[in-house]
Amino acid sequence: MTRVELAGALVAAGAALLTTDAPLGWAMLWAGLVLGIDGLASRPDREE
């Protein structure tokens, strides 16, 4: 599982938790966003 895939899972789980456990949901949502941005930024550019 790549960092970007893990980030997507964290964002989805965080969004689902917002209705039941808001602090944990927000923490997971932000962690997923930060991890996803970092994962996308560290990908090597593809030359086509």
PDB file of N, CA and C in Angstrom:
ATOM      1  N   MET A   1       0.857  -1.177   0.000  1.00  0.00           N
ATOM      2  CA  MET A   1       0.000   0.000   0.000  1.00  0.00           C
ATOM      3  C   MET A   1       0.903   1.240   0.000  1.00  0.00           C
ATOM      4  N   THR A   2       0.645   2.124  -0.931  1.00  0.00           N
ATOM      5  CA  THR A   2       1.449   3.345  -1.014  1.00  0.00           C
ATOM      6  C   THR A   2       0.956   4.380  -0.009  1.00  0.00           C
ATOM      7  N   ARG A   3       1.737   5.433   0.149  1.00  0.00           N
ATOM      8  CA  ARG A   3       1.336   6.507   1.068  1.00  0.00           C
ATOM      9  C   ARG A   3       0.039   7.164   0.611  1.00  0.00           C
ATOM     10  N   VAL A   4      -0.129   7.293  -0.687  1.00  0.00           N
ATOM     11  CA  VAL A   4      -1.330   7.946  -1.204  1.00  0.00           C
ATOM     12  C   VAL A   4      -2.559   7.081  -0.942  1.00  0.00           C
ATOM     13  N   GLU A   5      -2.434   5.766  -1.107  1.00  0.00           N
ATOM     14  CA  GLU A   5      -3.548   4.864  -0.808  1.00  0.00           C
ATOM     15  C   GLU A   5      -3.878   4.881   0.688  1.00  0.00           C
ATOM     16  N   LEU A   6      -2.853   4.877   1.522  1.00  0.00           N
ATOM     17  CA  LEU A   6      -3.063   4.956   2.966  1.00  0.00           C
ATOM     18  C   LEU A   6      -3.743   6.266   3.339  1.00  0.00           C
ATOM     19  N   ALA A   7      -3.340   7.339   2.692  1.00  0.00           N
ATOM     20  CA  ALA A   7      -3.952   8.642   2.949  1.00  0.00           C
ATOM     21  C   ALA A   7      -5.430   8.623   2.590  1.00  0.00           C
ATOM     22  N   GLY A   8      -5.767   8.012   1.472  1.00  0.00           N
ATOM     23  CA  GLY A   8      -7.170   7.906   1.077  1.00  0.00           C
ATOM     24  C   GLY A   8      -7.990   7.127   2.092  1.00  0.00           C
ATOM     25  N   ALA A   9      -7.416   6.053   2.613  1.00  0.00           N
ATOM     26  CA  ALA A   9      -8.109   5.266   3.633  1.00  0.00           C
ATOM     27  C   ALA A   9      -8.292   6.069   4.918  1.00  0.00           C
ATOM     28  N   LEU A  10      -7.279   6.833   5.310  1.00  0.00           N
ATOM     29  CA  LEU A  10      -7.390   7.664   6.515  1.00  0.00           C
ATOM     30  C   LEU A  10      -8.453   8.743   6.355  1.00  0.00           C
ATOM     31  N   VAL A  11      -8.492   9.370   5.186  1.00  0.00           N
ATOM     32  CA  VAL A  11      -9.488  10.414   4.945  1.00  0.00           C
ATOM     33  C   VAL A  11     -10.891   9.812   4.974  1.00  0.00           C
ATOM     34  N   ALA A  12     -11.073   8.662   4.342  1.00  0.00           N
ATOM     35  CA  ALA A  12     -12.390   8.017   4.328  1.00  0.00           C
ATOM     36  C   ALA A  12     -12.825   7.609   5.737  1.00  0.00           C
ATOM     37  N   ALA A  13     -11.908   7.023   6.500  1.00  0.00           N
ATOM     38  CA  ALA A  13     -12.244   6.617   7.866  1.00  0.00           C
ATOM     39  C   ALA A  13     -12.500   7.832   8.749  1.00  0.00           C
ATOM     40  N   GLY A  14     -11.702   8.872   8.574  1.00  0.00           N
ATOM     41  CA  GLY A  14     -11.903  10.091   9.359  1.00  0.00           C
ATOM     42  C   GLY A  14     -13.236  10.740   9.066  1.00  0.00           C
ATOM     43  N   ALA A  15     -13.614  10.768   7.789  1.00  0.00           N
ATOM     44  CA  ALA A  15     -14.905  11.354   7.423  1.00  0.00           C
ATOM     45  C   ALA A  15     -16.054  10.539   8.006  1.00  0.00           C
ATOM     46  N   ALA A  16     -15.913   9.226   8.028  1.00  0.00           N
ATOM     47  CA  ALA A  16     -16.956   8.380   8.605  1.00  0.00           C
ATOM     48  C   ALA A  16     -17.061   8.579  10.114  1.00  0.00           C
ATOM     49  N   LEU A  17     -15.946   8.862  10.771  1.00  0.00           N
ATOM     50  CA  LEU A  17     -15.949   9.035  12.226  1.00  0.00           C
ATOM     51  C   LEU A  17     -16.440  10.408  12.669  1.00  0.00           C
ATOM     52  N   LEU A  18     -16.549  11.345  11.753  1.00  0.00           N
ATOM     53  CA  LEU A  18     -16.957  12.698  12.147  1.00  0.00           C
ATOM     54  C   LEU A  18     -18.326  12.719  12.824  1.00  0.00           C
ATOM     55  N   THR A  19     -19.192  11.787  12.477  1.00  0.00           N
ATOM     56  CA  THR A  19     -20.532  11.793  13.063  1.00  0.00           C
ATOM     57  C   THR A  19     -20.559  11.186  14.462  1.00  0.00           C
ATOM     58  N   THR A  20     -19.618  10.273  14.767  1.00  0.00           N
ATOM     59  CA  THR A  20     -19.656   9.607  16.070  1.00  0.00           C
ATOM     60  C   THR A  20     -18.573  10.094  17.029  1.00  0.00           C
ATOM     61  N   ASP A  21     -17.385  10.332  16.529  1.00  0.00           N
ATOM     62  CA  ASP A  21     -16.265  10.754  17.377  1.00  0.00           C
ATOM     63  C   ASP A  21     -15.517  11.864  16.649  1.00  0.00           C
ATOM     64  N   ALA A  22     -16.024  13.076  16.775  1.00  0.00           N
ATOM     65  CA  ALA A  22     -15.515  14.192  15.974  1.00  0.00           C
ATOM     66  C   ALA A  22     -14.020  14.471  16.166  1.00  0.00           C
ATOM     67  N   PRO A  23     -13.478  14.516  17.386  1.00  0.00           N
ATOM     68  CA  PRO A  23     -12.041  14.813  17.509  1.00  0.00           C
ATOM     69  C   PRO A  23     -11.156  13.781  16.806  1.00  0.00           C
ATOM     70  N   LEU A  24     -11.472  12.506  16.969  1.00  0.00           N
ATOM     71  CA  LEU A  24     -10.696  11.461  16.296  1.00  0.00           C
ATOM     72  C   LEU A  24     -10.905  11.527  14.787  1.00  0.00           C
ATOM     73  N   GLY A  25     -12.124  11.802  14.366  1.00  0.00           N
ATOM     74  CA  GLY A  25     -12.407  11.925  12.937  1.00  0.00           C
ATOM     75  C   GLY A  25     -11.613  13.040  12.296  1.00  0.00           C
ATOM     76  N   TRP A  26     -11.599  14.206  12.952  1.00  0.00           N
ATOM     77  CA  TRP A  26     -10.827  15.332  12.408  1.00  0.00           C
ATOM     78  C   TRP A  26      -9.338  15.023  12.387  1.00  0.00           C
ATOM     79  N   ALA A  27      -8.844  14.359  13.432  1.00  0.00           N
ATOM     80  CA  ALA A  27      -7.419  14.013  13.478  1.00  0.00           C
ATOM     81  C   ALA A  27      -7.052  13.070  12.337  1.00  0.00           C
ATOM     82  N   MET A  28      -7.888  12.067  12.092  1.00  0.00           N
ATOM     83  CA  MET A  28      -7.618  11.132  11.005  1.00  0.00           C
ATOM     84  C   MET A  28      -7.747  11.812   9.650  1.00  0.00           C
ATOM     85  N   LEU A  29      -8.723  12.705   9.522  1.00  0.00           N
ATOM     86  CA  LEU A  29      -8.915  13.425   8.265  1.00  0.00           C
ATOM     87  C   LEU A  29      -7.689  14.273   7.936  1.00  0.00           C
ATOM     88  N   TRP A  30      -7.218  15.043   8.913  1.00  0.00           N
ATOM     89  CA  TRP A  30      -6.046  15.894   8.679  1.00  0.00           C
ATOM     90  C   TRP A  30      -4.790  15.066   8.458  1.00  0.00           C
ATOM     91  N   ALA A  31      -4.631  13.971   9.203  1.00  0.00           N
ATOM     92  CA  ALA A  31      -3.460  13.107   8.999  1.00  0.00           C
ATOM     93  C   ALA A  31      -3.459  12.533   7.588  1.00  0.00           C
ATOM     94  N   GLY A  32      -4.624  12.134   7.112  1.00  0.00           N
ATOM     95  CA  GLY A  32      -4.720  11.613   5.754  1.00  0.00           C
ATOM     96  C   GLY A  32      -4.408  12.661   4.710  1.00  0.00           C
ATOM     97  N   LEU A  33      -4.891  13.878   4.924  1.00  0.00           N
ATOM     98  CA  LEU A  33      -4.604  14.950   3.964  1.00  0.00           C
ATOM     99  C   LEU A  33      -3.112  15.273   3.917  1.00  0.00           C
ATOM    100  N   VAL A  34      -2.491  15.371   5.087  1.00  0.00           N
ATOM    101  CA  VAL A  34      -1.056  15.679   5.132  1.00  0.00           C
ATOM    102  C   VAL A  34      -0.249  14.545   4.503  1.00  0.00           C
ATOM    103  N   LEU A  35      -0.589  13.312   4.830  1.00  0.00           N
ATOM    104  CA  LEU A  35       0.126  12.167   4.271  1.00  0.00           C
ATOM    105  C   LEU A  35      -0.072  12.087   2.759  1.00  0.00           C
ATOM    106  N   GLY A  36      -1.272  12.381   2.298  1.00  0.00           N
ATOM    107  CA  GLY A  36      -1.537  12.351   0.862  1.00  0.00           C
ATOM    108  C   GLY A  36      -0.777  13.421   0.114  1.00  0.00           C
ATOM    109  N   ILE A  37      -0.746  14.616   0.650  1.00  0.00           N
ATOM    110  CA  ILE A  37       0.001  15.702   0.004  1.00  0.00           C
ATOM    111  C   ILE A  37       1.489  15.367  -0.019  1.00  0.00           C
ATOM    112  N   ASP A  38       2.003  14.842   1.091  1.00  0.00           N
ATOM    113  CA  ASP A  38       3.412  14.456   1.145  1.00  0.00           C
ATOM    114  C   ASP A  38       3.697  13.317   0.166  1.00  0.00           C
ATOM    115  N   GLY A  39       2.797  12.361   0.089  1.00  0.00           N
ATOM    116  CA  GLY A  39       2.988  11.241  -0.833  1.00  0.00           C
ATOM    117  C   GLY A  39       2.969  11.675  -2.282  1.00  0.00           C
ATOM    118  N   LEU A  40       2.079  12.596  -2.615  1.00  0.00           N
ATOM    119  CA  LEU A  40       2.021  13.092  -3.989  1.00  0.00           C
ATOM    120  C   LEU A  40       3.227  13.959  -4.317  1.00  0.00           C
ATOM    121  N   ALA A  41       3.687  14.735  -3.349  1.00  0.00           N
ATOM    122  CA  ALA A  41       4.827  15.618  -3.587  1.00  0.00           C
ATOM    123  C   ALA A  41       6.128  14.836  -3.747  1.00  0.00           C
ATOM    124  N   SER A  42       6.226  13.676  -3.123  1.00  0.00           N
ATOM    125  CA  SER A  42       7.473  12.921  -3.180  1.00  0.00           C
ATOM    126  C   SER A  42       7.516  11.928  -4.340  1.00  0.00           C
ATOM    127  N   ARG A  43       6.448  11.858  -5.119  1.00  0.00           N
ATOM    128  CA  ARG A  43       6.457  10.958  -6.275  1.00  0.00           C
ATOM    129  C   ARG A  43       7.405  11.487  -7.337  1.00  0.00           C
ATOM    130  N   PRO A  44       8.171  10.607  -7.945  1.00  0.00           N
ATOM    131  CA  PRO A  44       9.045  11.082  -9.024  1.00  0.00           C
ATOM    132  C   PRO A  44       8.210  11.486 -10.237  1.00  0.00           C
ATOM    133  N   ASP A  45       8.644  12.517 -10.908  1.00  0.00           N
ATOM    134  CA  ASP A  45       7.933  12.946 -12.109  1.00  0.00           C
ATOM    135  C   ASP A  45       8.106  11.894 -13.200  1.00  0.00           C
ATOM    136  N   ARG A  46       7.022  11.642 -13.866  1.00  0.00           N
ATOM    137  CA  ARG A  46       7.077  10.658 -14.952  1.00  0.00           C
ATOM    138  C   ARG A  46       7.365  11.371 -16.261  1.00  0.00           C
ATOM    139  N   GLU A  47       8.341  10.852 -16.958  1.00  0.00           N
ATOM    140  CA  GLU A  47       8.652  11.421 -18.268  1.00  0.00           C
ATOM    141  C   GLU A  47       7.982  10.562 -19.321  1.00  0.00           C
ATOM    142  N   GLU A  48       7.221  11.198 -20.166  1.00  0.00           N
ATOM    143  CA  GLU A  48       6.524  10.441 -21.209  1.00  0.00           C
ATOM    144  C   GLU A  48       7.037  10.811 -22.564  1.00  0.00           C
TER     145      GLU A  48
END
